[in-house]
Amino acid sequence: MKSDGTEEFILLDKIIVSEEFLNTTPSVDKIQKVINYVKRTGVLDEPITINRNTMILTDGYTRYISALKLGIDLVPIVYENELLHNK
């Protein structure tokens, strides 16, 4: 089963997390909500968004941390829409 919008699955350790994300901490509440959802449904609520060329995480840091805490090796991802970022 996969999250809606998933383009593919990759190993969590292939995702590069930028300093921008590493210097922030999502709230314990947000992380717990995602963890509870995964435990209930077996999947992340949404795919993690990464840059196709660099593999850098661009959205979904809370989902990334939750997957890490749950020991999920293979995660659903979607590639960011480069057109939106080049405007």
C-alpha atoms as a PDB file:
ATOM      1  CA  MET A   1       0.000   0.000   0.000  1.00  0.00           C
ATOM      2  CA  LYS A   2       1.275   3.485  -0.752  1.00  0.00           C
ATOM      3  CA  SER A   3       0.430   7.073   0.126  1.00  0.00           C
ATOM      4  CA  ASP A   4      -1.516   9.099  -2.443  1.00  0.00           C
ATOM      5  CA  GLY A   5       0.763  10.912  -4.869  1.00  0.00           C
ATOM      6  CA  THR A   6       3.714   8.563  -4.368  1.00  0.00           C
ATOM      7  CA  GLU A   7       6.063   8.494  -7.356  1.00  0.00           C
ATOM      8  CA  GLU A   8       8.333   5.782  -5.998  1.00  0.00           C
ATOM      9  CA  PHE A   9       9.915   4.327  -2.886  1.00  0.00           C
ATOM     10  CA  ILE A  10      13.517   4.911  -1.842  1.00  0.00           C
ATOM     11  CA  LEU A  11      15.673   4.002   1.114  1.00  0.00           C
ATOM     12  CA  LEU A  12      15.331   6.549   3.895  1.00  0.00           C
ATOM     13  CA  ASP A  13      19.114   6.796   4.259  1.00  0.00           C
ATOM     14  CA  LYS A  14      19.398   8.008   0.633  1.00  0.00           C
ATOM     15  CA  ILE A  15      17.528  11.217   1.520  1.00  0.00           C
ATOM     16  CA  ILE A  16      19.791  14.147   2.337  1.00  0.00           C
ATOM     17  CA  VAL A  17      18.510  16.479   5.053  1.00  0.00           C
ATOM     18  CA  SER A  18      19.740  20.074   4.810  1.00  0.00           C
ATOM     19  CA  GLU A  19      21.035  22.108   7.738  1.00  0.00           C
ATOM     20  CA  GLU A  20      17.881  24.212   7.479  1.00  0.00           C
ATOM     21  CA  PHE A  21      15.793  21.213   8.549  1.00  0.00           C
ATOM     22  CA  LEU A  22      18.384  19.809  10.940  1.00  0.00           C
ATOM     23  CA  ASN A  23      18.363  23.087  12.856  1.00  0.00           C
ATOM     24  CA  THR A  24      14.615  22.833  13.476  1.00  0.00           C
ATOM     25  CA  THR A  25      12.631  20.339  15.470  1.00  0.00           C
ATOM     26  CA  PRO A  26       9.023  19.513  14.646  1.00  0.00           C
ATOM     27  CA  SER A  27       6.753  19.440  17.670  1.00  0.00           C
ATOM     28  CA  VAL A  28       6.471  16.185  19.579  1.00  0.00           C
ATOM     29  CA  ASP A  29       2.708  16.358  18.915  1.00  0.00           C
ATOM     30  CA  LYS A  30       3.164  16.482  15.134  1.00  0.00           C
ATOM     31  CA  ILE A  31       5.619  13.592  15.160  1.00  0.00           C
ATOM     32  CA  GLN A  32       3.334  11.516  17.389  1.00  0.00           C
ATOM     33  CA  LYS A  33       0.350  12.142  15.097  1.00  0.00           C
ATOM     34  CA  VAL A  34       2.296  10.801  12.128  1.00  0.00           C
ATOM     35  CA  ILE A  35       3.568   7.828  14.138  1.00  0.00           C
ATOM     36  CA  ASN A  36       0.025   7.012  15.291  1.00  0.00           C
ATOM     37  CA  TYR A  37      -1.243   7.270  11.711  1.00  0.00           C
ATOM     38  CA  VAL A  38       1.466   4.901  10.453  1.00  0.00           C
ATOM     39  CA  LYS A  39       0.747   2.421  13.249  1.00  0.00           C
ATOM     40  CA  ARG A  40      -2.969   2.551  12.413  1.00  0.00           C
ATOM     41  CA  THR A  41      -2.709   2.395   8.604  1.00  0.00           C
ATOM     42  CA  GLY A  42       0.710   0.954   7.844  1.00  0.00           C
ATOM     43  CA  VAL A  43       1.711   3.891   5.594  1.00  0.00           C
ATOM     44  CA  LEU A  44       2.906   7.471   5.901  1.00  0.00           C
ATOM     45  CA  ASP A  45       0.058   9.963   5.482  1.00  0.00           C
ATOM     46  CA  GLU A  46       1.861  11.615   2.535  1.00  0.00           C
ATOM     47  CA  PRO A  47       5.051  10.957   0.605  1.00  0.00           C
ATOM     48  CA  ILE A  48       8.236  12.817   1.518  1.00  0.00           C
ATOM     49  CA  THR A  49       9.177  15.470  -1.068  1.00  0.00           C
ATOM     50  CA  ILE A  50      12.737  15.514  -2.381  1.00  0.00           C
ATOM     51  CA  ASN A  51      14.688  17.161  -5.177  1.00  0.00           C
ATOM     52  CA  ARG A  52      15.122  14.676  -8.036  1.00  0.00           C
ATOM     53  CA  ASN A  53      18.712  15.732  -8.830  1.00  0.00           C
ATOM     54  CA  THR A  54      20.177  16.230  -5.369  1.00  0.00           C
ATOM     55  CA  MET A  55      18.006  13.875  -3.256  1.00  0.00           C
ATOM     56  CA  ILE A  56      17.691  16.727  -0.737  1.00  0.00           C
ATOM     57  CA  LEU A  57      14.516  16.746   1.347  1.00  0.00           C
ATOM     58  CA  THR A  58      12.351  19.764   0.509  1.00  0.00           C
ATOM     59  CA  ASP A  59       9.168  18.924   2.439  1.00  0.00           C
ATOM     60  CA  GLY A  60       8.103  16.294   4.944  1.00  0.00           C
ATOM     61  CA  TYR A  61      10.714  16.559   7.669  1.00  0.00           C
ATOM     62  CA  THR A  62       8.170  15.424  10.271  1.00  0.00           C
ATOM     63  CA  ARG A  63       7.378  12.343   8.154  1.00  0.00           C
ATOM     64  CA  TYR A  64      11.127  11.743   7.720  1.00  0.00           C
ATOM     65  CA  ILE A  65      11.716  11.849  11.510  1.00  0.00           C
ATOM     66  CA  SER A  66       8.673   9.640  12.124  1.00  0.00           C
ATOM     67  CA  ALA A  67       9.905   7.039   9.627  1.00  0.00           C
ATOM     68  CA  LEU A  68      13.322   7.141  11.280  1.00  0.00           C
ATOM     69  CA  LYS A  69      11.793   6.612  14.743  1.00  0.00           C
ATOM     70  CA  LEU A  70       9.631   3.749  13.455  1.00  0.00           C
ATOM     71  CA  GLY A  71      12.553   2.050  11.711  1.00  0.00           C
ATOM     72  CA  ILE A  72      10.973   2.331   8.264  1.00  0.00           C
ATOM     73  CA  ASP A  73      13.720   1.773   5.690  1.00  0.00           C
ATOM     74  CA  LEU A  74      11.739   2.216   2.464  1.00  0.00           C
ATOM     75  CA  VAL A  75       9.691   5.408   2.256  1.00  0.00           C
ATOM     76  CA  PRO A  76       7.296   6.859  -0.318  1.00  0.00           C
ATOM     77  CA  ILE A  77       8.613   9.935  -2.067  1.00  0.00           C
ATOM     78  CA  VAL A  78       7.442  12.490  -4.574  1.00  0.00           C
ATOM     79  CA  TYR A  79       9.787  14.730  -6.510  1.00  0.00           C
ATOM     80  CA  GLU A  80       9.353  18.459  -6.038  1.00  0.00           C
ATOM     81  CA  ASN A  81       7.919  20.330  -8.965  1.00  0.00           C
ATOM     82  CA  GLU A  82      10.926  22.232 -10.279  1.00  0.00           C
ATOM     83  CA  LEU A  83       8.627  24.524 -12.285  1.00  0.00           C
ATOM     84  CA  LEU A  84       7.178  25.965  -9.076  1.00  0.00           C
ATOM     85  CA  HIS A  85      10.637  26.728  -7.719  1.00  0.00           C
ATOM     86  CA  ASN A  86      11.957  28.314 -10.930  1.00  0.00           C
ATOM     87  CA  LYS A  87       9.282  31.017 -11.226  1.00  0.00           C
END
